[in-house]
Amino acid sequence: MQKKINVTIDEELLDEVDKYAKLRHMSRSGFLAFSASQNIEAIKFQSLLPQYTDLLRQLSSGSDLDEETLEKIDDMERSVSALRRTMVC
C-alpha cells in the first residue's frame, strides 16, 4: 500500500532529485522512493560486511591459507572499515 506524505527538502537537493528522476524517466515521488529503498538495502548490506570478514578470519585461523588469500581478507577488512566510516545512519 502506498501512502502520501509531505517532506521538507533543501531546494538544491530537490533540483538534483528532479534532474536524476528525469534522467531515469521517473516521477519525483518514484525516484525518492527508489532512492530510499536503495539506501536502505545498502545500509543492510554494509551492516553484514563485518560479519563476513569475521567469518573469513575465523575460517582462516583454523587452516593454512596462502599469503595472497590472507592479504585479500585484510583488504576486505580495510574496505569494510572504510565503508562503515562513510555510512550515514
C-alpha atoms as a PDB file:
ATOM      1  CA  MET A   1       0.000   0.000   0.000  1.00  0.00           C
ATOM      2  CA  GLN A   2       1.313   3.427  -0.872  1.00  0.00           C
ATOM      3  CA  LYS A   3       0.971   6.355   1.476  1.00  0.00           C
ATOM      4  CA  LYS A   4       1.099  10.021   0.599  1.00  0.00           C
ATOM      5  CA  ILE A   5       3.492  12.096   2.752  1.00  0.00           C
ATOM      6  CA  ASN A   6       4.873  15.615   2.938  1.00  0.00           C
ATOM      7  CA  VAL A   7       8.621  16.184   3.287  1.00  0.00           C
ATOM      8  CA  THR A   8      10.847  19.191   3.686  1.00  0.00           C
ATOM      9  CA  ILE A   9      13.915  19.132   1.476  1.00  0.00           C
ATOM     10  CA  ASP A  10      16.674  21.578   0.599  1.00  0.00           C
ATOM     11  CA  GLU A  11      15.930  23.342  -2.696  1.00  0.00           C
ATOM     12  CA  GLU A  12      19.289  22.433  -4.249  1.00  0.00           C
ATOM     13  CA  LEU A  13      18.808  18.790  -3.335  1.00  0.00           C
ATOM     14  CA  LEU A  14      15.318  18.875  -4.807  1.00  0.00           C
ATOM     15  CA  ASP A  15      16.766  20.235  -8.040  1.00  0.00           C
ATOM     16  CA  GLU A  16      19.186  17.288  -8.099  1.00  0.00           C
ATOM     17  CA  VAL A  17      16.350  14.862  -7.380  1.00  0.00           C
ATOM     18  CA  ASP A  18      14.344  16.295 -10.258  1.00  0.00           C
ATOM     19  CA  LYS A  19      17.359  16.153 -12.571  1.00  0.00           C
ATOM     20  CA  TYR A  20      18.093  12.488 -11.865  1.00  0.00           C
ATOM     21  CA  ALA A  21      14.438  11.494 -11.825  1.00  0.00           C
ATOM     22  CA  LYS A  22      14.113  12.955 -15.306  1.00  0.00           C
ATOM     23  CA  LEU A  23      17.228  11.112 -16.498  1.00  0.00           C
ATOM     24  CA  ARG A  24      15.696   7.851 -15.280  1.00  0.00           C
ATOM     25  CA  HIS A  25      12.260   8.715 -16.701  1.00  0.00           C
ATOM     26  CA  MET A  26      10.778   8.569 -13.227  1.00  0.00           C
ATOM     27  CA  SER A  27       8.469  10.805 -11.281  1.00  0.00           C
ATOM     28  CA  ARG A  28       9.926  12.749  -8.368  1.00  0.00           C
ATOM     29  CA  SER A  29       7.960  10.587  -5.970  1.00  0.00           C
ATOM     30  CA  GLY A  30       9.076   7.386  -7.677  1.00  0.00           C
ATOM     31  CA  PHE A  31      12.699   8.489  -7.652  1.00  0.00           C
ATOM     32  CA  LEU A  32      12.602   9.379  -3.951  1.00  0.00           C
ATOM     33  CA  ALA A  33      11.007   6.036  -3.085  1.00  0.00           C
ATOM     34  CA  PHE A  34      13.529   4.167  -5.248  1.00  0.00           C
ATOM     35  CA  SER A  35      16.445   6.094  -3.726  1.00  0.00           C
ATOM     36  CA  ALA A  36      15.221   5.442  -0.200  1.00  0.00           C
ATOM     37  CA  SER A  37      14.850   1.703  -0.860  1.00  0.00           C
ATOM     38  CA  GLN A  38      18.326   1.548  -2.431  1.00  0.00           C
ATOM     39  CA  ASN A  39      19.844   3.362   0.544  1.00  0.00           C
ATOM     40  CA  ILE A  40      18.110   1.028   2.998  1.00  0.00           C
ATOM     41  CA  GLU A  41      19.417  -2.023   1.133  1.00  0.00           C
ATOM     42  CA  ALA A  42      22.937  -0.552   1.082  1.00  0.00           C
ATOM     43  CA  ILE A  43      22.825   0.033   4.841  1.00  0.00           C
ATOM     44  CA  LYS A  44      21.643  -3.547   5.406  1.00  0.00           C
ATOM     45  CA  PHE A  45      24.425  -4.888   3.192  1.00  0.00           C
ATOM     46  CA  GLN A  46      27.082  -2.745   4.851  1.00  0.00           C
ATOM     47  CA  SER A  47      25.953  -3.898   8.277  1.00  0.00           C
ATOM     48  CA  LEU A  48      26.569  -7.518   7.214  1.00  0.00           C
ATOM     49  CA  LEU A  49      30.086  -6.967   5.881  1.00  0.00           C
ATOM     50  CA  PRO A  50      31.823  -7.091   9.279  1.00  0.00           C
ATOM     51  CA  GLN A  51      30.188 -10.470   9.915  1.00  0.00           C
ATOM     52  CA  TYR A  52      31.564 -11.764   6.619  1.00  0.00           C
ATOM     53  CA  THR A  53      35.082 -10.599   7.388  1.00  0.00           C
ATOM     54  CA  ASP A  54      34.857 -12.041  10.904  1.00  0.00           C
ATOM     55  CA  LEU A  55      33.788 -15.360   9.421  1.00  0.00           C
ATOM     56  CA  LEU A  56      36.648 -15.285   6.929  1.00  0.00           C
ATOM     57  CA  ARG A  57      39.087 -14.521   9.730  1.00  0.00           C
ATOM     58  CA  GLN A  58      37.730 -17.423  11.802  1.00  0.00           C
ATOM     59  CA  LEU A  59      37.960 -19.770   8.836  1.00  0.00           C
ATOM     60  CA  SER A  60      41.486 -18.683   8.087  1.00  0.00           C
ATOM     61  CA  SER A  61      42.669 -19.147  11.667  1.00  0.00           C
ATOM     62  CA  GLY A  62      41.994 -22.878  11.504  1.00  0.00           C
ATOM     63  CA  SER A  63      43.760 -23.557   8.255  1.00  0.00           C
ATOM     64  CA  ASP A  64      46.915 -22.817   6.374  1.00  0.00           C
ATOM     65  CA  LEU A  65      45.974 -20.142   3.887  1.00  0.00           C
ATOM     66  CA  ASP A  66      48.475 -18.739   1.477  1.00  0.00           C
ATOM     67  CA  GLU A  67      49.748 -15.194   1.869  1.00  0.00           C
ATOM     68  CA  GLU A  68      47.685 -13.918  -1.069  1.00  0.00           C
ATOM     69  CA  THR A  69      44.410 -15.147   0.488  1.00  0.00           C
ATOM     70  CA  LEU A  70      45.310 -13.615   3.844  1.00  0.00           C
ATOM     71  CA  GLU A  71      46.065 -10.317   2.097  1.00  0.00           C
ATOM     72  CA  LYS A  72      42.666 -10.437   0.392  1.00  0.00           C
ATOM     73  CA  ILE A  73      40.980 -10.932   3.767  1.00  0.00           C
ATOM     74  CA  ASP A  74      42.943  -7.988   5.162  1.00  0.00           C
ATOM     75  CA  ASP A  75      41.933  -5.877   2.144  1.00  0.00           C
ATOM     76  CA  MET A  76      38.303  -6.789   2.687  1.00  0.00           C
ATOM     77  CA  GLU A  77      38.524  -5.825   6.352  1.00  0.00           C
ATOM     78  CA  ARG A  78      40.008  -2.440   5.392  1.00  0.00           C
ATOM     79  CA  SER A  79      37.253  -1.924   2.824  1.00  0.00           C
ATOM     80  CA  VAL A  80      34.588  -2.762   5.391  1.00  0.00           C
ATOM     81  CA  SER A  81      36.139  -0.309   7.844  1.00  0.00           C
ATOM     82  CA  ALA A  82      36.163   2.410   5.186  1.00  0.00           C
ATOM     83  CA  LEU A  83      32.516   1.710   4.308  1.00  0.00           C
ATOM     84  CA  ARG A  84      31.486   1.836   7.947  1.00  0.00           C
ATOM     85  CA  ARG A  85      33.138   5.254   8.339  1.00  0.00           C
ATOM     86  CA  THR A  86      31.159   6.606   5.389  1.00  0.00           C
ATOM     87  CA  MET A  87      27.802   5.183   6.475  1.00  0.00           C
ATOM     88  CA  VAL A  88      25.172   7.713   7.427  1.00  0.00           C
ATOM     89  CA  CYS A  89      22.808   6.252   9.965  1.00  0.00           C
END
